[in-house]
Amino acid sequence: MHITPAAQAALIGTSLGATATLSAAWLTQRATSRRERERRLWDRRVATYDDLMSTVHTYAQLRAHTRRSYELPELEGVRSEALHSAATLAARIELYSSERLREACERSFDGVQRWLLAWEEWHEQGPAVRLPSQADGLWKKFTKRVEEAEKADSELLELLLADVHGARRKPWRHRRGRLLGKKASRKPDHD
């Protein structure tokens, strides 16, 4: 049996059409799979950022409460929770974020530990000796550690928001107090 040139052209055309259809279907499936994988990754990243932001706010409120009331509720539970939250979130941040964000997270968690240690040091002086005043060197150290922690938290939250939303619309300093649990007026340190 002899195939005519027209039949050959038809077979070649059909083969090319089938190949094109299969290729398009494969490329579409591959792109869909990639989008789904990226979406799952983004969802995990945002969930991690939500947890991180919540943890930062919780410790900012605790820090503000401690600075206002001179008391730290349930110190041992707070320390244990801080270490657990930091370790868990640090692992998730390691998976889903940039190097810059990981470093900011480490500085923020280090800030939590530093102000907790400074508060403990001040508090261990005993009620007869400790004075919540800049005249007390240990209270001064505590307030310095609080300020360092607030700065680290601000930098971390700024990077988080930039990663989620892109470039900021307003300068960070306008939103900082609201996001870190600060009140408009804070009880001044006793002198």
N, C-alpha and C. Protein backbone atom coordinates (compact mmCIF):
# COMPACT_ATOMS: atom_id res chain seq x y z
N MET A 1 0.83 -1.16 0.00
CA MET A 1 0.00 0.00 0.00
C MET A 1 0.89 1.23 0.00
N HIS A 2 0.49 2.18 -0.80
CA HIS A 2 1.27 3.39 -1.00
C HIS A 2 0.51 4.59 -0.44
N ILE A 3 1.20 5.43 0.40
CA ILE A 3 0.56 6.60 1.01
C ILE A 3 0.84 7.79 0.11
N THR A 4 -0.19 8.46 -0.21
CA THR A 4 -0.07 9.63 -1.08
C THR A 4 0.49 10.80 -0.28
N PRO A 5 1.05 11.78 -0.99
CA PRO A 5 1.57 12.96 -0.28
C PRO A 5 0.49 13.68 0.52
N ALA A 6 -0.72 13.69 0.07
CA ALA A 6 -1.80 14.35 0.82
C ALA A 6 -2.07 13.60 2.12
N ALA A 7 -2.06 12.26 2.05
CA ALA A 7 -2.28 11.45 3.25
C ALA A 7 -1.13 11.62 4.22
N GLN A 8 0.10 11.71 3.69
CA GLN A 8 1.27 11.94 4.54
C GLN A 8 1.14 13.27 5.27
N ALA A 9 0.72 14.29 4.53
CA ALA A 9 0.55 15.61 5.13
C ALA A 9 -0.53 15.57 6.22
N ALA A 10 -1.59 14.84 5.96
CA ALA A 10 -2.67 14.73 6.95
C ALA A 10 -2.18 14.01 8.20
N LEU A 11 -1.42 12.93 8.03
CA LEU A 11 -0.88 12.19 9.19
C LEU A 11 0.10 13.05 9.99
N ILE A 12 0.96 13.76 9.28
CA ILE A 12 1.92 14.65 9.96
C ILE A 12 1.18 15.75 10.72
N GLY A 13 0.18 16.32 10.08
CA GLY A 13 -0.61 17.37 10.72
C GLY A 13 -1.34 16.86 11.95
N THR A 14 -1.92 15.67 11.85
CA THR A 14 -2.61 15.06 12.98
C THR A 14 -1.64 14.77 14.11
N SER A 15 -0.47 14.24 13.76
CA SER A 15 0.55 13.95 14.77
C SER A 15 1.01 15.22 15.47
N LEU A 16 1.26 16.27 14.70
CA LEU A 16 1.68 17.55 15.30
C LEU A 16 0.57 18.13 16.18
N GLY A 17 -0.66 18.01 15.73
CA GLY A 17 -1.78 18.52 16.53
C GLY A 17 -1.91 17.77 17.84
N ALA A 18 -1.79 16.44 17.77
CA ALA A 18 -1.87 15.63 18.99
C ALA A 18 -0.72 15.96 19.93
N THR A 19 0.49 16.11 19.36
CA THR A 19 1.67 16.45 20.17
C THR A 19 1.48 17.82 20.82
N ALA A 20 0.95 18.77 20.06
CA ALA A 20 0.71 20.11 20.60
C ALA A 20 -0.33 20.07 21.72
N THR A 21 -1.39 19.28 21.53
CA THR A 21 -2.43 19.16 22.55
C THR A 21 -1.87 18.54 23.83
N LEU A 22 -1.11 17.45 23.67
CA LEU A 22 -0.51 16.81 24.84
C LEU A 22 0.48 17.74 25.54
N SER A 23 1.28 18.45 24.75
CA SER A 23 2.26 19.38 25.33
C SER A 23 1.55 20.50 26.08
N ALA A 24 0.50 21.05 25.50
CA ALA A 24 -0.25 22.12 26.16
C ALA A 24 -0.87 21.61 27.45
N ALA A 25 -1.45 20.41 27.41
CA ALA A 25 -2.04 19.84 28.62
C ALA A 25 -0.97 19.61 29.69
N TRP A 26 0.19 19.12 29.31
CA TRP A 26 1.27 18.88 30.27
C TRP A 26 1.76 20.19 30.86
N LEU A 27 1.96 21.21 30.01
CA LEU A 27 2.42 22.51 30.50
C LEU A 27 1.38 23.16 31.42
N THR A 28 0.10 23.02 31.06
CA THR A 28 -0.96 23.57 31.90
C THR A 28 -0.97 22.88 33.26
N GLN A 29 -0.87 21.56 33.27
CA GLN A 29 -0.85 20.81 34.53
C GLN A 29 0.36 21.18 35.38
N ARG A 30 1.48 21.33 34.74
CA ARG A 30 2.72 21.69 35.46
C ARG A 30 2.58 23.08 36.08
N ALA A 31 2.04 24.02 35.30
CA ALA A 31 1.85 25.38 35.83
C ALA A 31 0.84 25.39 36.97
N THR A 32 -0.22 24.60 36.83
CA THR A 32 -1.23 24.52 37.88
C THR A 32 -0.62 23.92 39.15
N SER A 33 0.15 22.87 39.01
CA SER A 33 0.80 22.25 40.17
C SER A 33 1.75 23.23 40.85
N ARG A 34 2.50 23.97 40.06
CA ARG A 34 3.43 24.96 40.63
C ARG A 34 2.67 26.04 41.38
N ARG A 35 1.58 26.53 40.79
CA ARG A 35 0.76 27.55 41.46
C ARG A 35 0.18 27.02 42.76
N GLU A 36 -0.31 25.79 42.74
CA GLU A 36 -0.86 25.20 43.96
C GLU A 36 0.21 25.04 45.03
N ARG A 37 1.40 24.63 44.65
CA ARG A 37 2.50 24.48 45.60
C ARG A 37 2.89 25.84 46.17
N GLU A 38 2.97 26.84 45.30
CA GLU A 38 3.31 28.19 45.76
C GLU A 38 2.23 28.74 46.68
N ARG A 39 0.98 28.44 46.38
CA ARG A 39 -0.13 28.90 47.21
C ARG A 39 -0.08 28.24 48.59
N ARG A 40 0.19 26.94 48.63
CA ARG A 40 0.31 26.25 49.92
C ARG A 40 1.47 26.83 50.73
N LEU A 41 2.58 27.08 50.06
CA LEU A 41 3.74 27.67 50.73
C LEU A 41 3.39 29.06 51.26
N TRP A 42 2.71 29.85 50.45
CA TRP A 42 2.31 31.20 50.88
C TRP A 42 1.36 31.11 52.08
N ASP A 43 0.41 30.19 52.04
CA ASP A 43 -0.52 30.02 53.16
C ASP A 43 0.22 29.65 54.45
N ARG A 44 1.20 28.77 54.34
CA ARG A 44 1.99 28.40 55.53
C ARG A 44 2.82 29.58 56.02
N ARG A 45 3.36 30.32 55.08
CA ARG A 45 4.17 31.49 55.45
C ARG A 45 3.31 32.51 56.18
N VAL A 46 2.13 32.80 55.66
CA VAL A 46 1.25 33.78 56.29
C VAL A 46 0.79 33.28 57.66
N ALA A 47 0.50 32.00 57.78
CA ALA A 47 0.12 31.45 59.09
C ALA A 47 1.27 31.61 60.09
N THR A 48 2.49 31.38 59.63
CA THR A 48 3.67 31.57 60.49
C THR A 48 3.79 33.03 60.88
N TYR A 49 3.62 33.93 59.92
CA TYR A 49 3.70 35.37 60.21
C TYR A 49 2.60 35.79 61.18
N ASP A 50 1.39 35.23 61.02
CA ASP A 50 0.32 35.54 61.98
C ASP A 50 0.73 35.14 63.39
N ASP A 51 1.25 33.93 63.54
CA ASP A 51 1.67 33.46 64.86
C ASP A 51 2.80 34.32 65.41
N LEU A 52 3.74 34.66 64.55
CA LEU A 52 4.86 35.49 64.99
C LEU A 52 4.38 36.86 65.43
N MET A 53 3.51 37.45 64.65
CA MET A 53 2.99 38.78 64.98
C MET A 53 2.22 38.73 66.30
N SER A 54 1.43 37.69 66.48
CA SER A 54 0.68 37.53 67.72
C SER A 54 1.62 37.39 68.92
N THR A 55 2.67 36.61 68.75
CA THR A 55 3.65 36.42 69.84
C THR A 55 4.36 37.73 70.16
N VAL A 56 4.75 38.47 69.14
CA VAL A 56 5.42 39.76 69.36
C VAL A 56 4.49 40.70 70.10
N HIS A 57 3.22 40.76 69.71
CA HIS A 57 2.26 41.63 70.39
C HIS A 57 2.03 41.20 71.84
N THR A 58 1.95 39.91 72.06
CA THR A 58 1.76 39.41 73.42
C THR A 58 2.90 39.85 74.33
N TYR A 59 4.12 39.69 73.86
CA TYR A 59 5.26 40.08 74.69
C TYR A 59 5.41 41.59 74.78
N ALA A 60 4.97 42.31 73.78
CA ALA A 60 4.98 43.77 73.86
C ALA A 60 4.00 44.24 74.94
N GLN A 61 2.83 43.62 74.99
CA GLN A 61 1.85 43.97 76.02
C GLN A 61 2.36 43.59 77.41
N LEU A 62 2.97 42.43 77.51
CA LEU A 62 3.55 42.01 78.79
C LEU A 62 4.65 42.97 79.22
N ARG A 63 5.47 43.37 78.28
CA ARG A 63 6.55 44.31 78.57
C ARG A 63 5.98 45.65 79.04
N ALA A 64 4.96 46.14 78.34
CA ALA A 64 4.34 47.42 78.71
C ALA A 64 3.69 47.32 80.09
N HIS A 65 3.02 46.21 80.35
CA HIS A 65 2.40 46.00 81.67
C HIS A 65 3.46 45.99 82.76
N THR A 66 4.55 45.29 82.52
CA THR A 66 5.63 45.19 83.51
C THR A 66 6.24 46.55 83.77
N ARG A 67 6.41 47.31 82.73
CA ARG A 67 7.02 48.63 82.90
C ARG A 67 6.09 49.57 83.67
N ARG A 68 4.77 49.44 83.43
CA ARG A 68 3.80 50.31 84.12
C ARG A 68 3.56 49.87 85.57
N SER A 69 3.43 48.56 85.79
CA SER A 69 3.03 48.07 87.11
C SER A 69 4.21 47.61 87.97
N TYR A 70 5.37 47.49 87.37
CA TYR A 70 6.59 47.01 88.04
C TYR A 70 6.47 45.55 88.47
N GLU A 71 5.52 44.84 87.90
CA GLU A 71 5.32 43.42 88.22
C GLU A 71 5.24 42.62 86.93
N LEU A 72 5.78 41.42 86.99
CA LEU A 72 5.74 40.51 85.86
C LEU A 72 4.91 39.30 86.29
N PRO A 73 3.73 39.13 85.70
CA PRO A 73 2.89 38.00 86.12
C PRO A 73 3.52 36.66 85.78
N GLU A 74 3.41 35.72 86.69
CA GLU A 74 3.84 34.34 86.49
C GLU A 74 5.17 34.24 85.75
N LEU A 75 6.21 34.66 86.39
CA LEU A 75 7.52 34.75 85.76
C LEU A 75 7.99 33.44 85.15
N GLU A 76 7.90 32.33 85.87
CA GLU A 76 8.40 31.06 85.33
C GLU A 76 7.61 30.62 84.11
N GLY A 77 6.29 30.75 84.15
CA GLY A 77 5.47 30.40 82.99
C GLY A 77 5.77 31.28 81.79
N VAL A 78 6.02 32.54 82.05
CA VAL A 78 6.34 33.48 80.97
C VAL A 78 7.66 33.09 80.32
N ARG A 79 8.66 32.80 81.11
CA ARG A 79 9.97 32.42 80.57
C ARG A 79 9.86 31.14 79.73
N SER A 80 9.15 30.15 80.26
CA SER A 80 8.99 28.89 79.56
C SER A 80 8.23 29.09 78.25
N GLU A 81 7.16 29.88 78.31
CA GLU A 81 6.36 30.14 77.10
C GLU A 81 7.18 30.92 76.07
N ALA A 82 7.98 31.87 76.53
CA ALA A 82 8.81 32.64 75.61
C ALA A 82 9.80 31.75 74.89
N LEU A 83 10.43 30.86 75.64
CA LEU A 83 11.40 29.96 75.02
C LEU A 83 10.74 29.00 74.04
N HIS A 84 9.59 28.46 74.42
CA HIS A 84 8.88 27.53 73.54
C HIS A 84 8.39 28.24 72.28
N SER A 85 7.77 29.40 72.44
CA SER A 85 7.28 30.16 71.28
C SER A 85 8.42 30.54 70.36
N ALA A 86 9.50 31.00 70.95
CA ALA A 86 10.65 31.42 70.14
C ALA A 86 11.22 30.25 69.36
N ALA A 87 11.37 29.11 70.00
CA ALA A 87 11.95 27.95 69.32
C ALA A 87 11.05 27.45 68.19
N THR A 88 9.76 27.35 68.45
CA THR A 88 8.82 26.88 67.44
C THR A 88 8.74 27.85 66.27
N LEU A 89 8.58 29.11 66.58
CA LEU A 89 8.48 30.10 65.51
C LEU A 89 9.78 30.27 64.75
N ALA A 90 10.90 30.18 65.45
CA ALA A 90 12.19 30.31 64.78
C ALA A 90 12.35 29.21 63.73
N ALA A 91 11.91 28.00 64.07
CA ALA A 91 12.00 26.90 63.11
C ALA A 91 11.12 27.16 61.90
N ARG A 92 9.92 27.65 62.14
CA ARG A 92 9.01 27.93 61.02
C ARG A 92 9.50 29.12 60.20
N ILE A 93 10.04 30.12 60.86
CA ILE A 93 10.59 31.28 60.15
C ILE A 93 11.77 30.83 59.29
N GLU A 94 12.57 29.94 59.82
CA GLU A 94 13.72 29.40 59.07
C GLU A 94 13.25 28.78 57.75
N LEU A 95 12.11 28.11 57.77
CA LEU A 95 11.58 27.46 56.57
C LEU A 95 11.00 28.44 55.55
N TYR A 96 10.31 29.47 56.04
CA TYR A 96 9.47 30.25 55.14
C TYR A 96 9.89 31.69 54.89
N SER A 97 10.96 32.17 55.48
CA SER A 97 11.25 33.59 55.32
C SER A 97 12.65 33.85 54.79
N SER A 98 12.90 35.12 54.58
CA SER A 98 14.20 35.55 54.08
C SER A 98 15.23 35.59 55.22
N GLU A 99 16.47 35.66 54.85
CA GLU A 99 17.57 35.75 55.82
C GLU A 99 17.40 37.00 56.69
N ARG A 100 17.04 38.09 56.07
CA ARG A 100 16.88 39.36 56.79
C ARG A 100 15.77 39.25 57.84
N LEU A 101 14.67 38.61 57.47
CA LEU A 101 13.57 38.43 58.40
C LEU A 101 13.96 37.47 59.52
N ARG A 102 14.71 36.42 59.20
CA ARG A 102 15.17 35.49 60.25
C ARG A 102 16.06 36.21 61.25
N GLU A 103 16.93 37.05 60.78
CA GLU A 103 17.82 37.79 61.68
C GLU A 103 17.02 38.76 62.56
N ALA A 104 16.01 39.41 61.98
CA ALA A 104 15.17 40.32 62.76
C ALA A 104 14.39 39.55 63.82
N CYS A 105 13.95 38.35 63.47
CA CYS A 105 13.24 37.49 64.43
C CYS A 105 14.16 37.12 65.58
N GLU A 106 15.38 36.76 65.28
CA GLU A 106 16.35 36.41 66.32
C GLU A 106 16.61 37.60 67.24
N ARG A 107 16.73 38.80 66.67
CA ARG A 107 16.96 39.99 67.49
C ARG A 107 15.76 40.26 68.39
N SER A 108 14.55 40.06 67.86
CA SER A 108 13.34 40.28 68.64
C SER A 108 13.25 39.30 69.81
N PHE A 109 13.48 38.01 69.52
CA PHE A 109 13.42 37.01 70.58
C PHE A 109 14.55 37.21 71.59
N ASP A 110 15.71 37.62 71.12
CA ASP A 110 16.80 37.93 72.03
C ASP A 110 16.41 39.11 72.92
N GLY A 111 15.71 40.08 72.33
CA GLY A 111 15.25 41.24 73.11
C GLY A 111 14.31 40.82 74.22
N VAL A 112 13.43 39.85 73.95
CA VAL A 112 12.52 39.36 74.99
C VAL A 112 13.32 38.78 76.15
N GLN A 113 14.29 37.94 75.83
CA GLN A 113 15.10 37.33 76.88
C GLN A 113 15.90 38.37 77.67
N ARG A 114 16.42 39.35 76.96
CA ARG A 114 17.25 40.36 77.63
C ARG A 114 16.44 41.22 78.60
N TRP A 115 15.24 41.67 78.19
CA TRP A 115 14.48 42.49 79.13
C TRP A 115 13.92 41.66 80.28
N LEU A 116 13.60 40.37 80.01
CA LEU A 116 13.16 39.51 81.12
C LEU A 116 14.28 39.31 82.13
N LEU A 117 15.48 39.08 81.65
CA LEU A 117 16.62 38.91 82.56
C LEU A 117 16.90 40.20 83.33
N ALA A 118 16.81 41.34 82.67
CA ALA A 118 17.06 42.62 83.34
C ALA A 118 15.99 42.88 84.40
N TRP A 119 14.74 42.53 84.11
CA TRP A 119 13.68 42.71 85.09
C TRP A 119 13.93 41.81 86.30
N GLU A 120 14.28 40.55 86.04
CA GLU A 120 14.56 39.62 87.14
C GLU A 120 15.69 40.15 88.02
N GLU A 121 16.72 40.65 87.39
CA GLU A 121 17.86 41.19 88.13
C GLU A 121 17.41 42.35 89.02
N TRP A 122 16.59 43.25 88.47
CA TRP A 122 16.08 44.38 89.25
C TRP A 122 15.17 43.88 90.37
N HIS A 123 14.29 42.94 90.04
CA HIS A 123 13.30 42.46 90.99
C HIS A 123 13.95 41.69 92.14
N GLU A 124 15.04 40.99 91.90
CA GLU A 124 15.71 40.19 92.92
C GLU A 124 16.38 41.04 93.99
N GLN A 125 16.44 42.35 93.80
CA GLN A 125 17.01 43.23 94.82
C GLN A 125 16.17 43.22 96.09
N GLY A 126 14.89 42.87 95.93
CA GLY A 126 13.98 42.86 97.08
C GLY A 126 13.23 44.16 97.17
N PRO A 127 12.05 44.12 97.75
CA PRO A 127 11.19 45.32 97.79
C PRO A 127 11.79 46.48 98.58
N ALA A 128 12.63 46.20 99.55
CA ALA A 128 13.22 47.28 100.35
C ALA A 128 14.28 48.04 99.58
N VAL A 129 14.89 47.42 98.60
CA VAL A 129 16.01 48.04 97.88
C VAL A 129 15.60 48.55 96.50
N ARG A 130 14.79 47.79 95.78
CA ARG A 130 14.49 48.14 94.39
C ARG A 130 13.64 49.41 94.31
N LEU A 131 13.95 50.19 93.30
CA LEU A 131 13.28 51.45 93.08
C LEU A 131 13.05 51.63 91.59
N PRO A 132 11.78 51.74 91.15
CA PRO A 132 11.53 51.92 89.72
C PRO A 132 11.84 53.36 89.29
N SER A 133 13.11 53.65 89.21
CA SER A 133 13.58 55.00 88.91
C SER A 133 14.88 54.92 88.14
N GLN A 134 15.14 55.94 87.37
CA GLN A 134 16.40 56.00 86.64
C GLN A 134 17.59 56.15 87.59
N ALA A 135 17.32 56.45 88.87
CA ALA A 135 18.37 56.51 89.88
C ALA A 135 18.84 55.10 90.26
N ASP A 136 17.99 54.11 90.04
CA ASP A 136 18.33 52.72 90.30
C ASP A 136 18.98 52.16 89.04
N GLY A 137 20.24 51.79 89.11
CA GLY A 137 20.97 51.31 87.94
C GLY A 137 20.34 50.09 87.28
N LEU A 138 19.78 49.19 88.09
CA LEU A 138 19.16 48.00 87.51
C LEU A 138 17.84 48.32 86.82
N TRP A 139 17.09 49.30 87.36
CA TRP A 139 15.86 49.72 86.67
C TRP A 139 16.23 50.42 85.36
N LYS A 140 17.28 51.19 85.41
CA LYS A 140 17.76 51.88 84.20
C LYS A 140 18.16 50.84 83.14
N LYS A 141 18.82 49.79 83.58
CA LYS A 141 19.21 48.70 82.66
C LYS A 141 17.96 48.05 82.07
N PHE A 142 16.96 47.81 82.92
CA PHE A 142 15.70 47.22 82.46
C PHE A 142 15.05 48.11 81.40
N THR A 143 14.93 49.40 81.68
CA THR A 143 14.27 50.29 80.71
C THR A 143 15.06 50.37 79.40
N LYS A 144 16.38 50.28 79.49
CA LYS A 144 17.20 50.27 78.28
C LYS A 144 16.91 48.99 77.47
N ARG A 145 16.82 47.86 78.15
CA ARG A 145 16.52 46.59 77.47
C ARG A 145 15.11 46.61 76.87
N VAL A 146 14.18 47.27 77.55
CA VAL A 146 12.82 47.42 77.01
C VAL A 146 12.87 48.21 75.71
N GLU A 147 13.60 49.31 75.71
CA GLU A 147 13.71 50.14 74.50
C GLU A 147 14.37 49.37 73.36
N GLU A 148 15.40 48.60 73.69
CA GLU A 148 16.05 47.78 72.66
C GLU A 148 15.08 46.74 72.10
N ALA A 149 14.30 46.13 72.96
CA ALA A 149 13.32 45.13 72.52
C ALA A 149 12.24 45.77 71.66
N GLU A 150 11.79 46.95 72.04
CA GLU A 150 10.78 47.66 71.24
C GLU A 150 11.32 47.97 69.85
N LYS A 151 12.56 48.38 69.79
CA LYS A 151 13.16 48.67 68.48
C LYS A 151 13.27 47.39 67.64
N ALA A 152 13.72 46.31 68.25
CA ALA A 152 13.83 45.04 67.53
C ALA A 152 12.46 44.56 67.05
N ASP A 153 11.44 44.69 67.90
CA ASP A 153 10.09 44.30 67.51
C ASP A 153 9.58 45.16 66.35
N SER A 154 9.85 46.45 66.42
CA SER A 154 9.42 47.35 65.34
C SER A 154 10.05 46.95 64.01
N GLU A 155 11.34 46.67 64.05
CA GLU A 155 12.03 46.27 62.82
C GLU A 155 11.45 44.95 62.28
N LEU A 156 11.19 44.01 63.17
CA LEU A 156 10.63 42.73 62.75
C LEU A 156 9.25 42.91 62.14
N LEU A 157 8.38 43.65 62.82
CA LEU A 157 7.02 43.85 62.31
C LEU A 157 7.04 44.61 60.98
N GLU A 158 7.95 45.54 60.86
CA GLU A 158 8.07 46.28 59.60
C GLU A 158 8.45 45.33 58.46
N LEU A 159 9.39 44.45 58.70
CA LEU A 159 9.78 43.48 57.67
C LEU A 159 8.65 42.51 57.36
N LEU A 160 7.92 42.08 58.38
CA LEU A 160 6.77 41.19 58.16
C LEU A 160 5.73 41.85 57.27
N LEU A 161 5.37 43.07 57.62
CA LEU A 161 4.36 43.78 56.85
C LEU A 161 4.83 44.04 55.42
N ALA A 162 6.10 44.38 55.26
CA ALA A 162 6.63 44.61 53.92
C ALA A 162 6.61 43.32 53.10
N ASP A 163 6.89 42.19 53.74
CA ASP A 163 6.87 40.92 53.02
C ASP A 163 5.46 40.54 52.60
N VAL A 164 4.49 40.79 53.46
CA VAL A 164 3.11 40.42 53.16
C VAL A 164 2.46 41.41 52.21
N HIS A 165 2.66 42.69 52.45
CA HIS A 165 1.94 43.72 51.69
C HIS A 165 2.79 44.46 50.67
N GLY A 166 4.06 44.21 50.61
CA GLY A 166 4.92 44.99 49.73
C GLY A 166 5.37 46.26 50.44
N ALA A 167 5.68 47.28 49.68
CA ALA A 167 6.19 48.54 50.24
C ALA A 167 5.13 49.17 51.14
N ARG A 168 5.60 49.79 52.20
CA ARG A 168 4.71 50.46 53.14
C ARG A 168 4.13 51.71 52.51
N ARG A 169 2.90 52.02 52.94
CA ARG A 169 2.26 53.24 52.47
C ARG A 169 2.55 54.40 53.42
N LYS A 170 2.62 54.12 54.71
CA LYS A 170 2.86 55.15 55.71
C LYS A 170 4.14 54.83 56.46
N PRO A 171 4.82 55.84 56.95
CA PRO A 171 6.01 55.56 57.76
C PRO A 171 5.64 54.74 58.98
N TRP A 172 6.53 53.84 59.37
CA TRP A 172 6.30 52.91 60.49
C TRP A 172 6.05 53.64 61.80
N ARG A 173 6.73 54.74 62.00
CA ARG A 173 6.64 55.40 63.30
C ARG A 173 5.21 55.84 63.63
N HIS A 174 4.35 56.03 62.63
CA HIS A 174 2.97 56.43 62.88
C HIS A 174 2.14 55.27 63.42
N ARG A 175 2.52 54.04 63.11
CA ARG A 175 1.74 52.88 63.53
C ARG A 175 2.40 52.13 64.67
N ARG A 176 3.62 52.44 65.01
CA ARG A 176 4.41 51.64 65.94
C ARG A 176 3.73 51.46 67.28
N GLY A 177 3.29 52.53 67.88
CA GLY A 177 2.69 52.42 69.20
C GLY A 177 1.47 51.54 69.23
N ARG A 178 0.62 51.67 68.24
CA ARG A 178 -0.60 50.87 68.20
C ARG A 178 -0.27 49.39 68.05
N LEU A 179 0.70 49.06 67.23
CA LEU A 179 1.02 47.67 66.96
C LEU A 179 1.77 47.00 68.10
N LEU A 180 2.48 47.75 68.87
CA LEU A 180 3.29 47.14 69.93
C LEU A 180 2.65 47.25 71.31
N GLY A 181 1.37 47.56 71.36
CA GLY A 181 0.65 47.54 72.62
C GLY A 181 0.90 48.74 73.50
N LYS A 182 1.45 49.80 72.95
CA LYS A 182 1.70 50.99 73.75
C LYS A 182 0.43 51.82 73.84
N LYS A 183 0.28 52.48 74.94
CA LYS A 183 -0.82 53.41 75.13
C LYS A 183 -0.33 54.80 74.70
N ALA A 184 -1.28 55.68 74.45
CA ALA A 184 -0.92 57.05 74.05
C ALA A 184 -0.12 57.73 75.15
N SER A 185 -0.52 57.50 76.40
CA SER A 185 0.25 58.06 77.50
C SER A 185 0.71 56.92 78.37
N ARG A 186 1.95 56.95 78.79
CA ARG A 186 2.52 55.89 79.59
C ARG A 186 2.89 56.47 80.95
N LYS A 187 2.70 55.66 81.96
CA LYS A 187 3.04 56.08 83.31
C LYS A 187 4.54 56.37 83.35
N PRO A 188 4.92 57.58 83.69
CA PRO A 188 6.35 57.92 83.69
C PRO A 188 7.11 57.17 84.79
N ASP A 189 8.38 56.95 84.54
CA ASP A 189 9.24 56.35 85.55
C ASP A 189 9.38 57.33 86.71
N HIS A 190 9.40 56.79 87.92
CA HIS A 190 9.59 57.65 89.11
C HIS A 190 11.03 58.08 89.19
N ASP A 191 11.24 59.33 89.52
CA ASP A 191 12.61 59.85 89.65
C ASP A 191 13.04 59.98 91.04
